[in-house]
C-alpha atoms as a PDB file:
ATOM      1  CA  MET A   1     410.571 153.294 -22.664  1.00  0.00           C
ATOM      2  CA  MET A   2     407.836 151.410 -24.117  1.00  0.00           C
ATOM      3  CA  VAL A   3     408.646 152.341 -27.614  1.00  0.00           C
ATOM      4  CA  THR A   4     412.309 151.605 -27.208  1.00  0.00           C
ATOM      5  CA  SER A   5     411.413 148.226 -25.901  1.00  0.00           C
ATOM      6  CA  ALA A   6     409.321 147.510 -28.675  1.00  0.00           C
ATOM      7  CA  LYS A   7     411.679 148.371 -31.369  1.00  0.00           C
ATOM      8  CA  GLY A   8     414.261 146.629 -29.486  1.00  0.00           C
ATOM      9  CA  ALA A   9     412.522 143.407 -29.863  1.00  0.00           C
ATOM     10  CA  LEU A  10     411.836 143.948 -33.731  1.00  0.00           C
ATOM     11  CA  ALA A  11     415.612 144.917 -34.061  1.00  0.00           C
ATOM     12  CA  LYS A  12     416.697 141.683 -32.780  1.00  0.00           C
ATOM     13  CA  ALA A  13     414.591 139.996 -35.245  1.00  0.00           C
ATOM     14  CA  ILE A  14     416.624 141.781 -37.909  1.00  0.00           C
ATOM     15  CA  GLY A  15     419.941 140.628 -36.378  1.00  0.00           C
ATOM     16  CA  ARG A  16     418.626 137.020 -36.125  1.00  0.00           C
ATOM     17  CA  ALA A  17     417.502 136.912 -39.941  1.00  0.00           C
ATOM     18  CA  GLY A  18     420.777 138.327 -40.869  1.00  0.00           C
ATOM     19  CA  GLY A  19     418.958 141.112 -43.182  1.00  0.00           C
ATOM     20  CA  GLY A  20     419.078 144.964 -42.931  1.00  0.00           C
ATOM     21  CA  PRO A  21     416.096 147.394 -43.039  1.00  0.00           C
ATOM     22  CA  ASP A  22     417.201 148.660 -46.369  1.00  0.00           C
ATOM     23  CA  ARG A  23     414.012 148.663 -48.444  1.00  0.00           C
ATOM     24  CA  ALA A  24     415.842 149.627 -51.748  1.00  0.00           C
ATOM     25  CA  ALA A  25     418.030 146.294 -51.247  1.00  0.00           C
ATOM     26  CA  GLY A  26     414.900 144.212 -50.935  1.00  0.00           C
ATOM     27  CA  ARG A  27     413.710 141.865 -48.185  1.00  0.00           C
ATOM     28  CA  PRO A  28     416.084 140.104 -45.923  1.00  0.00           C
ATOM     29  CA  ASP A  29     417.320 136.879 -47.294  1.00  0.00           C
ATOM     30  CA  SER A  30     416.156 134.784 -44.238  1.00  0.00           C
ATOM     31  CA  PRO A  31     412.554 135.731 -43.004  1.00  0.00           C
ATOM     32  CA  ILE A  32     411.745 134.720 -39.478  1.00  0.00           C
ATOM     33  CA  SER A  33     409.201 132.156 -38.758  1.00  0.00           C
ATOM     34  CA  THR A  34     405.334 132.743 -38.730  1.00  0.00           C
ATOM     35  CA  SER A  35     405.295 131.832 -35.025  1.00  0.00           C
ATOM     36  CA  GLU A  36     408.330 134.138 -33.986  1.00  0.00           C
ATOM     37  CA  ALA A  37     406.751 137.094 -36.210  1.00  0.00           C
ATOM     38  CA  THR A  38     403.202 136.618 -34.335  1.00  0.00           C
ATOM     39  CA  ALA A  39     405.383 136.379 -30.882  1.00  0.00           C
ATOM     40  CA  LEU A  40     407.303 139.632 -31.621  1.00  0.00           C
ATOM     41  CA  ILE A  41     404.084 141.566 -32.353  1.00  0.00           C
ATOM     42  CA  VAL A  42     401.958 140.379 -29.588  1.00  0.00           C
ATOM     43  CA  GLN A  43     405.010 141.296 -27.221  1.00  0.00           C
ATOM     44  CA  ARG A  44     405.168 144.991 -28.425  1.00  0.00           C
ATOM     45  CA  ASN A  45     401.445 145.173 -28.134  1.00  0.00           C
ATOM     46  CA  TYR A  46     401.803 143.777 -24.500  1.00  0.00           C
ATOM     47  CA  ILE A  47     404.582 146.369 -23.767  1.00  0.00           C
ATOM     48  CA  ALA A  48     402.534 149.187 -25.099  1.00  0.00           C
ATOM     49  CA  TYR A  49     399.406 148.396 -23.229  1.00  0.00           C
ATOM     50  CA  ARG A  50     400.750 147.069 -20.162  1.00  0.00           C
ATOM     51  CA  SER A  51     400.554 150.486 -18.400  1.00  0.00           C
ATOM     52  CA  GLY A  52     396.850 150.824 -19.650  1.00  0.00           C
ATOM     53  CA  TRP A  53     395.475 147.921 -17.620  1.00  0.00           C
ATOM     54  CA  TRP A  54     392.410 149.787 -16.969  1.00  0.00           C
ATOM     55  CA  ILE A  55     391.323 149.513 -20.407  1.00  0.00           C
ATOM     56  CA  PHE A  56     391.186 145.816 -20.326  1.00  0.00           C
ATOM     57  CA  VAL A  57     389.152 146.039 -17.035  1.00  0.00           C
ATOM     58  CA  SER A  58     386.516 148.115 -18.743  1.00  0.00           C
ATOM     59  CA  GLY A  59     386.503 145.735 -21.697  1.00  0.00           C
ATOM     60  CA  PHE A  60     385.412 143.052 -19.400  1.00  0.00           C
ATOM     61  CA  LEU A  61     383.005 145.062 -17.111  1.00  0.00           C
ATOM     62  CA  GLU A  62     380.744 146.157 -20.389  1.00  0.00           C
ATOM     63  CA  PRO A  63     379.127 142.465 -20.765  1.00  0.00           C
ATOM     64  CA  VAL A  64     378.978 141.871 -16.936  1.00  0.00           C
ATOM     65  CA  PHE A  65     376.819 145.132 -16.681  1.00  0.00           C
ATOM     66  CA  TYR A  66     374.622 143.844 -19.539  1.00  0.00           C
ATOM     67  CA  LEU A  67     374.198 140.695 -17.775  1.00  0.00           C
ATOM     68  CA  PHE A  68     373.324 142.261 -14.506  1.00  0.00           C
ATOM     69  CA  SER A  69     371.055 144.853 -15.808  1.00  0.00           C
ATOM     70  CA  ILE A  70     369.154 142.865 -18.652  1.00  0.00           C
ATOM     71  CA  GLY A  71     369.772 139.222 -17.908  1.00  0.00           C
ATOM     72  CA  ILE A  72     368.796 139.432 -13.993  1.00  0.00           C
ATOM     73  CA  GLY A  73     366.801 142.708 -14.085  1.00  0.00           C
ATOM     74  CA  VAL A  74     364.364 141.807 -17.044  1.00  0.00           C
ATOM     75  CA  GLY A  75     364.769 138.133 -16.207  1.00  0.00           C
ATOM     76  CA  LYS A  76     362.498 139.142 -13.023  1.00  0.00           C
ATOM     77  CA  LEU A  77     359.758 139.847 -15.268  1.00  0.00           C
ATOM     78  CA  ILE A  78     360.429 137.114 -18.070  1.00  0.00           C
ATOM     79  CA  THR A  79     360.106 133.468 -17.159  1.00  0.00           C
ATOM     80  CA  GLY A  80     362.395 132.307 -19.912  1.00  0.00           C
ATOM     81  CA  PHE A  81     362.221 131.126 -23.609  1.00  0.00           C
ATOM     82  CA  THR A  82     362.466 127.919 -25.349  1.00  0.00           C
ATOM     83  CA  PHE A  83     365.560 126.797 -26.808  1.00  0.00           C
ATOM     84  CA  ASN A  84     366.057 123.635 -28.646  1.00  0.00           C
ATOM     85  CA  GLY A  85     362.873 122.532 -27.153  1.00  0.00           C
ATOM     86  CA  GLU A  86     363.659 123.216 -23.623  1.00  0.00           C
ATOM     87  CA  VAL A  87     362.630 126.252 -21.588  1.00  0.00           C
ATOM     88  CA  ILE A  88     365.671 128.028 -19.996  1.00  0.00           C
ATOM     89  CA  PRO A  89     365.537 131.075 -17.651  1.00  0.00           C
ATOM     90  CA  TYR A  90     366.085 134.225 -19.205  1.00  0.00           C
ATOM     91  CA  ALA A  91     369.327 134.878 -17.723  1.00  0.00           C
ATOM     92  CA  GLU A  92     370.756 131.674 -18.884  1.00  0.00           C
ATOM     93  CA  PHE A  93     369.511 132.605 -22.206  1.00  0.00           C
ATOM     94  CA  VAL A  94     371.036 136.264 -22.524  1.00  0.00           C
ATOM     95  CA  ALA A  95     374.603 135.056 -20.808  1.00  0.00           C
ATOM     96  CA  PRO A  96     375.914 133.248 -23.865  1.00  0.00           C
ATOM     97  CA  GLY A  97     374.703 135.676 -26.239  1.00  0.00           C
ATOM     98  CA  MET A  98     376.488 138.234 -24.163  1.00  0.00           C
ATOM     99  CA  LEU A  99     379.715 136.472 -24.521  1.00  0.00           C
ATOM    100  CA  ALA A 100     379.497 136.071 -27.985  1.00  0.00           C
ATOM    101  CA  ALA A 101     378.642 139.658 -28.435  1.00  0.00           C
ATOM    102  CA  SER A 102     381.493 140.999 -26.244  1.00  0.00           C
ATOM    103  CA  ALA A 103     383.938 138.710 -28.405  1.00  0.00           C
ATOM    104  CA  MET A 104     382.621 140.617 -31.477  1.00  0.00           C
ATOM    105  CA  ASN A 105     383.099 143.800 -29.794  1.00  0.00           C
ATOM    106  CA  GLY A 106     386.449 143.307 -28.509  1.00  0.00           C
ATOM    107  CA  ALA A 107     387.873 141.885 -31.799  1.00  0.00           C
ATOM    108  CA  LEU A 108     386.354 145.041 -33.530  1.00  0.00           C
ATOM    109  CA  LEU A 109     387.573 147.539 -31.429  1.00  0.00           C
ATOM    110  CA  ASP A 110     391.259 146.049 -31.868  1.00  0.00           C
ATOM    111  CA  SER A 111     390.875 145.672 -35.425  1.00  0.00           C
ATOM    112  CA  THR A 112     389.260 148.740 -36.570  1.00  0.00           C
ATOM    113  CA  TYR A 113     390.153 151.867 -34.333  1.00  0.00           C
ATOM    114  CA  ASN A 114     393.452 150.510 -32.838  1.00  0.00           C
ATOM    115  CA  PHE A 115     394.359 149.050 -36.253  1.00  0.00           C
ATOM    116  CA  PHE A 116     393.535 152.303 -38.364  1.00  0.00           C
ATOM    117  CA  PHE A 117     395.600 154.464 -36.057  1.00  0.00           C
ATOM    118  CA  LYS A 118     398.826 152.284 -36.455  1.00  0.00           C
ATOM    119  CA  LEU A 119     398.320 151.942 -40.164  1.00  0.00           C
ATOM    120  CA  LYS A 120     397.405 155.788 -41.000  1.00  0.00           C
ATOM    121  CA  TYR A 121     398.625 157.957 -38.137  1.00  0.00           C
ATOM    122  CA  ASN A 122     401.822 156.626 -36.221  1.00  0.00           C
ATOM    123  CA  LYS A 123     402.941 154.459 -39.006  1.00  0.00           C
ATOM    124  CA  LEU A 124     403.690 151.628 -37.013  1.00  0.00           C
ATOM    125  CA  PHE A 125     403.398 148.988 -39.825  1.00  0.00           C
ATOM    126  CA  ASP A 126     405.857 150.808 -42.042  1.00  0.00           C
ATOM    127  CA  GLN A 127     408.456 150.483 -39.104  1.00  0.00           C
ATOM    128  CA  MET A 128     407.794 146.801 -38.780  1.00  0.00           C
ATOM    129  CA  LEU A 129     408.125 146.208 -42.508  1.00  0.00           C
ATOM    130  CA  ALA A 130     411.619 147.530 -42.365  1.00  0.00           C
ATOM    131  CA  THR A 131     412.274 144.381 -40.446  1.00  0.00           C
ATOM    132  CA  PRO A 132     412.203 140.877 -42.030  1.00  0.00           C
ATOM    133  CA  LEU A 133     408.110 140.988 -40.995  1.00  0.00           C
ATOM    134  CA  THR A 134     405.678 140.717 -44.061  1.00  0.00           C
ATOM    135  CA  THR A 135     402.521 142.191 -44.396  1.00  0.00           C
ATOM    136  CA  THR A 136     400.726 138.830 -43.539  1.00  0.00           C
ATOM    137  CA  ASP A 137     403.073 138.631 -40.355  1.00  0.00           C
ATOM    138  CA  VAL A 138     401.495 142.040 -39.358  1.00  0.00           C
ATOM    139  CA  ALA A 139     397.873 140.757 -40.056  1.00  0.00           C
ATOM    140  CA  ARG A 140     398.456 137.668 -38.146  1.00  0.00           C
ATOM    141  CA  GLY A 141     400.144 139.543 -35.045  1.00  0.00           C
ATOM    142  CA  GLU A 142     397.722 142.071 -34.834  1.00  0.00           C
ATOM    143  CA  LEU A 143     395.003 139.403 -34.902  1.00  0.00           C
ATOM    144  CA  ALA A 144     396.779 137.096 -32.433  1.00  0.00           C
ATOM    145  CA  TRP A 145     396.929 139.876 -30.009  1.00  0.00           C
ATOM    146  CA  SER A 146     393.163 140.836 -30.275  1.00  0.00           C
ATOM    147  CA  LEU A 147     392.461 137.055 -29.685  1.00  0.00           C
ATOM    148  CA  LEU A 148     394.600 136.916 -26.877  1.00  0.00           C
ATOM    149  CA  ARG A 149     392.896 139.898 -25.281  1.00  0.00           C
ATOM    150  CA  GLY A 150     389.454 138.536 -26.211  1.00  0.00           C
ATOM    151  CA  GLY A 151     390.334 135.205 -24.716  1.00  0.00           C
ATOM    152  CA  ILE A 152     390.954 136.729 -21.248  1.00  0.00           C
ATOM    153  CA  TYR A 153     387.672 138.643 -21.358  1.00  0.00           C
ATOM    154  CA  SER A 154     385.730 135.177 -22.374  1.00  0.00           C
ATOM    155  CA  ALA A 155     387.283 133.079 -19.860  1.00  0.00           C
ATOM    156  CA  VAL A 156     386.686 135.448 -16.963  1.00  0.00           C
ATOM    157  CA  PHE A 157     382.927 136.068 -18.124  1.00  0.00           C
ATOM    158  CA  LEU A 158     382.561 132.230 -18.347  1.00  0.00           C
ATOM    159  CA  LEU A 159     383.599 132.083 -14.390  1.00  0.00           C
ATOM    160  CA  VAL A 160     381.009 134.789 -14.032  1.00  0.00           C
ATOM    161  CA  MET A 161     378.528 132.792 -15.461  1.00  0.00           C
ATOM    162  CA  VAL A 162     379.481 129.685 -13.519  1.00  0.00           C
ATOM    163  CA  ALA A 163     379.599 131.363 -10.356  1.00  0.00           C
ATOM    164  CA  MET A 164     375.743 132.833 -10.980  1.00  0.00           C
ATOM    165  CA  ASP A 165     374.802 129.195 -11.763  1.00  0.00           C
ATOM    166  CA  LEU A 166     373.874 129.744 -15.384  1.00  0.00           C
ATOM    167  CA  VAL A 167     375.836 127.114 -16.850  1.00  0.00           C
ATOM    168  CA  HIS A 168     374.944 123.409 -16.664  1.00  0.00           C
ATOM    169  CA  SER A 169     376.865 121.400 -19.000  1.00  0.00           C
ATOM    170  CA  TRP A 170     380.664 120.449 -19.267  1.00  0.00           C
ATOM    171  CA  TRP A 171     380.443 121.481 -23.143  1.00  0.00           C
ATOM    172  CA  ALA A 172     380.608 125.010 -21.721  1.00  0.00           C
ATOM    173  CA  VAL A 173     384.390 124.485 -21.466  1.00  0.00           C
ATOM    174  CA  LEU A 174     384.375 125.053 -25.315  1.00  0.00           C
ATOM    175  CA  ALA A 175     382.680 128.231 -25.110  1.00  0.00           C
ATOM    176  CA  VAL A 176     386.102 130.097 -24.752  1.00  0.00           C
ATOM    177  CA  PRO A 177     387.692 128.402 -27.858  1.00  0.00           C
ATOM    178  CA  ALA A 178     384.372 129.303 -29.532  1.00  0.00           C
ATOM    179  CA  ALA A 179     384.572 132.982 -28.390  1.00  0.00           C
ATOM    180  CA  LEU A 180     388.325 132.975 -29.847  1.00  0.00           C
ATOM    181  CA  LEU A 181     386.829 131.700 -33.246  1.00  0.00           C
ATOM    182  CA  ILE A 182     384.392 134.470 -33.093  1.00  0.00           C
ATOM    183  CA  GLY A 183     387.106 136.977 -32.164  1.00  0.00           C
ATOM    184  CA  ALA A 184     389.111 135.847 -34.935  1.00  0.00           C
ATOM    185  CA  ALA A 185     386.142 135.913 -37.631  1.00  0.00           C
ATOM    186  CA  PHE A 186     385.119 139.491 -36.647  1.00  0.00           C
ATOM    187  CA  GLY A 187     388.865 140.601 -36.504  1.00  0.00           C
ATOM    188  CA  ALA A 188     389.743 139.444 -39.591  1.00  0.00           C
ATOM    189  CA  VAL A 189     386.887 140.915 -41.486  1.00  0.00           C
ATOM    190  CA  GLY A 190     387.521 144.343 -39.246  1.00  0.00           C
ATOM    191  CA  MET A 191     391.081 144.410 -40.388  1.00  0.00           C
ATOM    192  CA  ALA A 192     390.164 143.901 -44.185  1.00  0.00           C
ATOM    193  CA  LEU A 193     387.447 146.597 -43.730  1.00  0.00           C
ATOM    194  CA  THR A 194     389.830 148.943 -42.119  1.00  0.00           C
ATOM    195  CA  THR A 195     392.172 149.006 -44.872  1.00  0.00           C
ATOM    196  CA  TYR A 196     389.544 150.570 -47.007  1.00  0.00           C
ATOM    197  CA  MET A 197     389.005 153.455 -44.508  1.00  0.00           C
ATOM    198  CA  ARG A 198     390.157 157.069 -45.451  1.00  0.00           C
ATOM    199  CA  SER A 199     389.308 158.914 -42.168  1.00  0.00           C
ATOM    200  CA  TRP A 200     387.992 158.447 -39.054  1.00  0.00           C
ATOM    201  CA  GLN A 201     384.472 159.560 -40.208  1.00  0.00           C
ATOM    202  CA  ASP A 202     384.347 156.256 -42.137  1.00  0.00           C
ATOM    203  CA  PHE A 203     384.206 154.414 -39.129  1.00  0.00           C
ATOM    204  CA  ASP A 204     380.332 155.600 -38.937  1.00  0.00           C
ATOM    205  CA  TYR A 205     379.741 152.734 -41.313  1.00  0.00           C
ATOM    206  CA  ILE A 206     381.126 150.386 -38.677  1.00  0.00           C
ATOM    207  CA  THR A 207     378.980 151.257 -35.993  1.00  0.00           C
ATOM    208  CA  LEU A 208     375.965 151.211 -38.536  1.00  0.00           C
ATOM    209  CA  GLY A 209     376.669 147.871 -39.160  1.00  0.00           C
ATOM    210  CA  GLN A 210     377.695 146.865 -35.643  1.00  0.00           C
ATOM    211  CA  LEU A 211     374.489 148.133 -33.745  1.00  0.00           C
ATOM    212  CA  PRO A 212     371.953 146.480 -35.741  1.00  0.00           C
ATOM    213  CA  LEU A 213     374.020 143.243 -35.588  1.00  0.00           C
ATOM    214  CA  PHE A 214     373.868 143.387 -31.568  1.00  0.00           C
ATOM    215  CA  LEU A 215     370.164 144.066 -31.408  1.00  0.00           C
ATOM    216  CA  PHE A 216     369.113 141.795 -33.917  1.00  0.00           C
ATOM    217  CA  SER A 217     370.990 138.669 -33.136  1.00  0.00           C
ATOM    218  CA  GLY A 218     368.957 136.564 -30.939  1.00  0.00           C
ATOM    219  CA  THR A 219     370.944 137.756 -27.896  1.00  0.00           C
ATOM    220  CA  PHE A 220     367.948 139.331 -26.103  1.00  0.00           C
ATOM    221  CA  PHE A 221     365.008 137.236 -27.752  1.00  0.00           C
ATOM    222  CA  PRO A 222     364.762 134.257 -29.815  1.00  0.00           C
ATOM    223  CA  LEU A 223     364.367 134.384 -33.588  1.00  0.00           C
ATOM    224  CA  SER A 224     360.866 133.219 -33.260  1.00  0.00           C
ATOM    225  CA  ALA A 225     360.079 136.836 -32.409  1.00  0.00           C
ATOM    226  CA  PHE A 226     360.855 138.187 -35.687  1.00  0.00           C
ATOM    227  CA  PRO A 227     358.508 138.191 -38.666  1.00  0.00           C
ATOM    228  CA  ASP A 228     359.554 135.277 -40.967  1.00  0.00           C
ATOM    229  CA  TRP A 229     361.089 137.307 -43.522  1.00  0.00           C
ATOM    230  CA  LEU A 230     363.229 139.160 -40.892  1.00  0.00           C
ATOM    231  CA  ALA A 231     364.011 136.072 -38.920  1.00  0.00           C
ATOM    232  CA  ALA A 232     365.328 134.401 -42.492  1.00  0.00           C
ATOM    233  CA  VAL A 233     367.841 137.546 -42.680  1.00  0.00           C
ATOM    234  CA  VAL A 234     368.830 137.268 -39.185  1.00  0.00           C
ATOM    235  CA  GLY A 235     369.745 133.616 -39.513  1.00  0.00           C
ATOM    236  CA  CYS A 236     372.357 134.445 -41.958  1.00  0.00           C
ATOM    237  CA  THR A 237     374.179 137.271 -39.710  1.00  0.00           C
ATOM    238  CA  PRO A 238     377.403 136.436 -38.439  1.00  0.00           C
ATOM    239  CA  LEU A 239     376.761 137.507 -34.805  1.00  0.00           C
ATOM    240  CA  TYR A 240     373.662 135.469 -34.749  1.00  0.00           C
ATOM    241  CA  ARG A 241     375.700 132.280 -35.756  1.00  0.00           C
ATOM    242  CA  ALA A 242     378.074 133.127 -32.851  1.00  0.00           C
ATOM    243  CA  VAL A 243     375.237 133.429 -30.414  1.00  0.00           C
ATOM    244  CA  VAL A 244     373.871 130.053 -31.743  1.00  0.00           C
ATOM    245  CA  LEU A 245     377.176 128.356 -31.298  1.00  0.00           C
ATOM    246  CA  VAL A 246     377.928 129.621 -27.671  1.00  0.00           C
ATOM    247  CA  ARG A 247     374.226 129.061 -26.425  1.00  0.00           C
ATOM    248  CA  GLU A 248     374.342 125.475 -27.612  1.00  0.00           C
ATOM    249  CA  LEU A 249     377.747 124.756 -25.603  1.00  0.00           C
ATOM    250  CA  THR A 250     376.686 126.451 -22.457  1.00  0.00           C
ATOM    251  CA  THR A 251     373.359 124.819 -22.565  1.00  0.00           C
ATOM    252  CA  GLY A 252     374.633 121.439 -23.647  1.00  0.00           C
ATOM    253  CA  SER A 253     371.856 121.227 -26.482  1.00  0.00           C
ATOM    254  CA  ILE A 254     374.310 120.651 -29.363  1.00  0.00           C
ATOM    255  CA  THR A 255     372.806 120.255 -32.562  1.00  0.00           C
ATOM    256  CA  TRP A 256     373.858 120.683 -36.545  1.00  0.00           C
ATOM    257  CA  ALA A 257     373.564 124.477 -36.071  1.00  0.00           C
ATOM    258  CA  SER A 258     376.941 124.716 -34.167  1.00  0.00           C
ATOM    259  CA  GLY A 259     378.593 122.821 -37.433  1.00  0.00           C
ATOM    260  CA  VAL A 260     377.219 125.325 -39.524  1.00  0.00           C
ATOM    261  CA  SER A 261     378.307 128.294 -37.291  1.00  0.00           C
ATOM    262  CA  VAL A 262     381.726 126.909 -37.027  1.00  0.00           C
ATOM    263  CA  VAL A 263     382.247 126.597 -40.979  1.00  0.00           C
ATOM    264  CA  TYR A 264     380.604 130.110 -41.254  1.00  0.00           C
ATOM    265  CA  LEU A 265     383.057 131.556 -38.791  1.00  0.00           C
ATOM    266  CA  VAL A 266     386.157 129.852 -40.355  1.00  0.00           C
ATOM    267  CA  ALA A 267     385.215 131.049 -43.893  1.00  0.00           C
ATOM    268  CA  MET A 268     385.143 134.776 -42.237  1.00  0.00           C
ATOM    269  CA  VAL A 269     388.555 134.183 -40.846  1.00  0.00           C
ATOM    270  CA  LEU A 270     390.029 132.852 -44.066  1.00  0.00           C
ATOM    271  CA  VAL A 271     388.298 135.537 -46.314  1.00  0.00           C
ATOM    272  CA  GLY A 272     389.364 138.348 -43.988  1.00  0.00           C
ATOM    273  CA  LEU A 273     392.944 137.595 -43.551  1.00  0.00           C
ATOM    274  CA  ALA A 274     393.275 137.109 -47.262  1.00  0.00           C
ATOM    275  CA  ILE A 275     391.847 140.505 -48.180  1.00  0.00           C
ATOM    276  CA  ALA A 276     393.829 142.193 -45.301  1.00  0.00           C
ATOM    277  CA  GLY A 277     396.891 140.929 -46.371  1.00  0.00           C
ATOM    278  CA  LYS A 278     396.526 141.881 -50.137  1.00  0.00           C
ATOM    279  CA  ARG A 279     395.241 145.465 -49.110  1.00  0.00           C
ATOM    280  CA  LEU A 280     398.277 145.905 -46.784  1.00  0.00           C
ATOM    281  CA  ASP A 281     400.596 144.884 -49.613  1.00  0.00           C
ATOM    282  CA  ARG A 282     399.147 147.580 -51.805  1.00  0.00           C
ATOM    283  CA  LEU A 283     399.040 150.281 -49.182  1.00  0.00           C
ATOM    284  CA  LEU A 284     402.406 149.641 -47.629  1.00  0.00           C
ATOM    285  CA  LEU A 285     404.550 147.975 -50.318  1.00  0.00           C
ATOM    286  CA  SER A 286     403.584 149.825 -53.651  1.00  0.00           C
END
């Protein structure tokens, strides 16, 4: 039923565009709009995942468990850290870092493992390209779905932070858009990298990069805890830039570092989408 409904939505797009799925005859004359294409792919993913609601719940609980175990548990042993000239409790220090890290993890899960399965195994994207959708539409639609999923996680996690009295600034309302930008950045890069994957074994490289990013991102302790050379390296990593952005928003201590983080993450989105689109053209249209 789920597959039938999803195909039905795409079939309607063909009818509205006035084109057919015949690849030999070329692309349909009147491609659908970007927003409509994105909405169709998001709708397809919603239909496919709505019976697996427990997957969404598990994705939200992971950072909450980290917050309780590390932020609250270890926080009993640590008074706090200095951030932008102010000492803040350990739980308030860790919570925004977990929000940024969960945005990264959620985006990478959708844009790597799930994306690879659709690309290589069930050939979903080949079916989509039999409609007026383009490879760029596919990349944007898949990224939009991961952002919708990540946005729900981020909003609920922020409410948990508010309920635990870990937020003391109205700037925190921008933490959800910030988390969406983080998810877009890592999702776009994740899709681009996935197009180069040949088998499931290649995903060991993703884990090899993801784990050090998580541990050495300033989430659990400040940059000053590292040797100078390592601090300089960590300061250039994408998750550190994401953690700085969210932490400044939730604490209300805004500096130029947030602007640097925004530019950094936007550049990741643009580069990742450009590479993913070109790679999908080569893999699916050649």
